[in-house]
Amino acid sequence: MLSLNHIATIDGSAVPTFDFVRVARGGSASSNVVSIDTARVRRLVAELPKRHRMIVVWRYGLDGLTLSRREVAERLRLSPVVVCRAEREALRLLHDRALSPRDEREAA
């Protein structure tokens, strides 16, 4: 799950963040939340394969317009099921990259 409406306070300033949550079966979501800043999320999204990137941008309104899964499917001429699978894969990639030690070194 990707939450786009979280606000964190950093050095006294409100900063929008994204939460990536992966919940294993029987697990707790609260122990799997990773909050990162908007700029980093946009960089991670930009690194996704083109189809995955387009799906995430459109589904979560990163360009200002949020589309339904069906609308994304129509734009890409894919079935909603294929869009759902690609979206899930894109979110998994984002989550994994957000936790990647390589990504942490590059951000520093």
Protein backbone atom coordinates (compact mmCIF):
# COMPACT_ATOMS: atom_id res chain seq x y z
CA MET A 1 0.00 0.00 0.00
CA LEU A 2 1.23 3.50 -0.77
CA SER A 3 -0.14 6.34 1.34
CA LEU A 4 0.25 9.79 -0.15
CA ASN A 5 -1.36 11.85 2.58
CA HIS A 6 1.10 11.58 5.45
CA ILE A 7 2.73 14.74 6.83
CA ALA A 8 5.90 14.51 8.89
CA THR A 9 7.57 17.27 10.88
CA ILE A 10 11.26 17.70 10.11
CA ASP A 11 13.16 20.51 11.81
CA GLY A 12 9.86 22.19 12.66
CA SER A 13 8.56 22.13 9.07
CA ALA A 14 5.69 20.04 7.78
CA VAL A 15 6.95 17.77 5.00
CA PRO A 16 4.74 15.44 2.95
CA THR A 17 5.97 11.87 3.04
CA PHE A 18 4.95 8.59 1.54
CA ASP A 19 4.48 5.41 3.53
CA PHE A 20 5.30 2.09 1.98
CA VAL A 21 3.69 -0.74 3.85
CA ARG A 22 4.25 -4.40 3.29
CA VAL A 23 2.21 -6.68 5.51
CA ALA A 24 3.10 -10.32 5.66
CA ARG A 25 0.26 -12.71 6.35
CA GLY A 26 -0.54 -12.46 10.01
CA GLY A 27 1.91 -9.56 10.39
CA SER A 28 1.44 -6.04 11.65
CA ALA A 29 1.44 -3.08 9.27
CA SER A 30 2.88 -0.75 11.92
CA SER A 31 6.15 -2.67 12.06
CA ASN A 32 6.61 -2.44 8.28
CA VAL A 33 6.10 1.28 7.59
CA VAL A 34 8.89 3.21 5.90
CA SER A 35 8.39 6.98 5.65
CA ILE A 36 10.41 8.86 3.05
CA ASP A 37 10.23 12.38 1.64
CA THR A 38 8.38 13.35 -1.53
CA ALA A 39 11.52 14.15 -3.56
CA ARG A 40 12.97 10.73 -2.86
CA VAL A 41 9.72 9.02 -3.83
CA ARG A 42 9.64 10.93 -7.10
CA ARG A 43 13.25 9.86 -7.79
CA LEU A 44 12.42 6.23 -7.02
CA VAL A 45 9.31 6.38 -9.23
CA ALA A 46 11.39 7.88 -12.07
CA GLU A 47 13.69 4.85 -11.90
CA LEU A 48 10.83 2.37 -12.45
CA PRO A 49 10.35 0.68 -15.84
CA LYS A 50 8.20 2.88 -18.08
CA ARG A 51 4.91 0.94 -17.75
CA HIS A 52 5.25 0.65 -13.97
CA ARG A 53 6.13 4.35 -13.71
CA MET A 54 3.11 5.41 -15.77
CA ILE A 55 0.78 3.25 -13.70
CA VAL A 56 2.05 4.63 -10.38
CA VAL A 57 1.96 8.23 -11.60
CA TRP A 58 -1.59 7.91 -12.89
CA ARG A 59 -3.02 5.74 -10.09
CA TYR A 60 -1.63 7.92 -7.28
CA GLY A 61 -1.96 11.31 -8.97
CA LEU A 62 1.72 12.20 -8.95
CA ASP A 63 1.11 14.45 -11.95
CA GLY A 64 -1.99 15.96 -10.35
CA LEU A 65 -4.59 13.65 -11.92
CA THR A 66 -5.64 10.43 -10.17
CA LEU A 67 -7.05 7.75 -12.45
CA SER A 68 -8.96 4.59 -11.67
CA ARG A 69 -7.44 1.24 -12.55
CA ARG A 70 -9.91 0.97 -15.41
CA GLU A 71 -8.91 4.40 -16.77
CA VAL A 72 -5.23 3.47 -16.61
CA ALA A 73 -6.00 0.19 -18.38
CA GLU A 74 -7.81 2.06 -21.16
CA ARG A 75 -4.92 4.50 -21.62
CA LEU A 76 -2.38 1.68 -21.81
CA ARG A 77 -4.69 -0.64 -23.78
CA LEU A 78 -4.32 -3.33 -21.13
CA SER A 79 -6.81 -5.23 -19.03
CA PRO A 80 -7.50 -3.96 -15.50
CA VAL A 81 -6.10 -7.25 -14.19
CA VAL A 82 -2.76 -6.63 -15.93
CA VAL A 83 -2.70 -3.08 -14.55
CA CYS A 84 -3.42 -4.40 -11.05
CA ARG A 85 -0.53 -6.88 -11.26
CA ALA A 86 1.85 -4.26 -12.66
CA GLU A 87 0.80 -1.78 -9.96
CA ARG A 88 1.43 -4.34 -7.25
CA GLU A 89 4.85 -5.13 -8.77
CA ALA A 90 5.70 -1.41 -9.02
CA LEU A 91 4.83 -0.85 -5.36
CA ARG A 92 6.94 -3.86 -4.39
CA LEU A 93 9.87 -2.44 -6.38
CA LEU A 94 9.42 0.97 -4.74
CA HIS A 95 9.29 -0.59 -1.30
CA ASP A 96 12.39 -2.70 -1.92
CA ARG A 97 14.31 0.25 -3.37
CA ALA A 98 13.25 2.49 -0.49
CA LEU A 99 14.80 -0.01 1.91
CA SER A 100 17.89 -0.63 -0.24
CA PRO A 101 21.24 0.21 1.40
CA ARG A 102 22.45 1.38 -2.06
CA ASP A 103 19.65 3.93 -2.15
CA GLU A 104 20.54 5.16 1.34
CA ARG A 105 24.17 5.72 0.31
CA GLU A 106 23.11 7.67 -2.79
CA ALA A 107 20.74 9.86 -0.73
CA ALA A 108 23.51 10.80 1.72
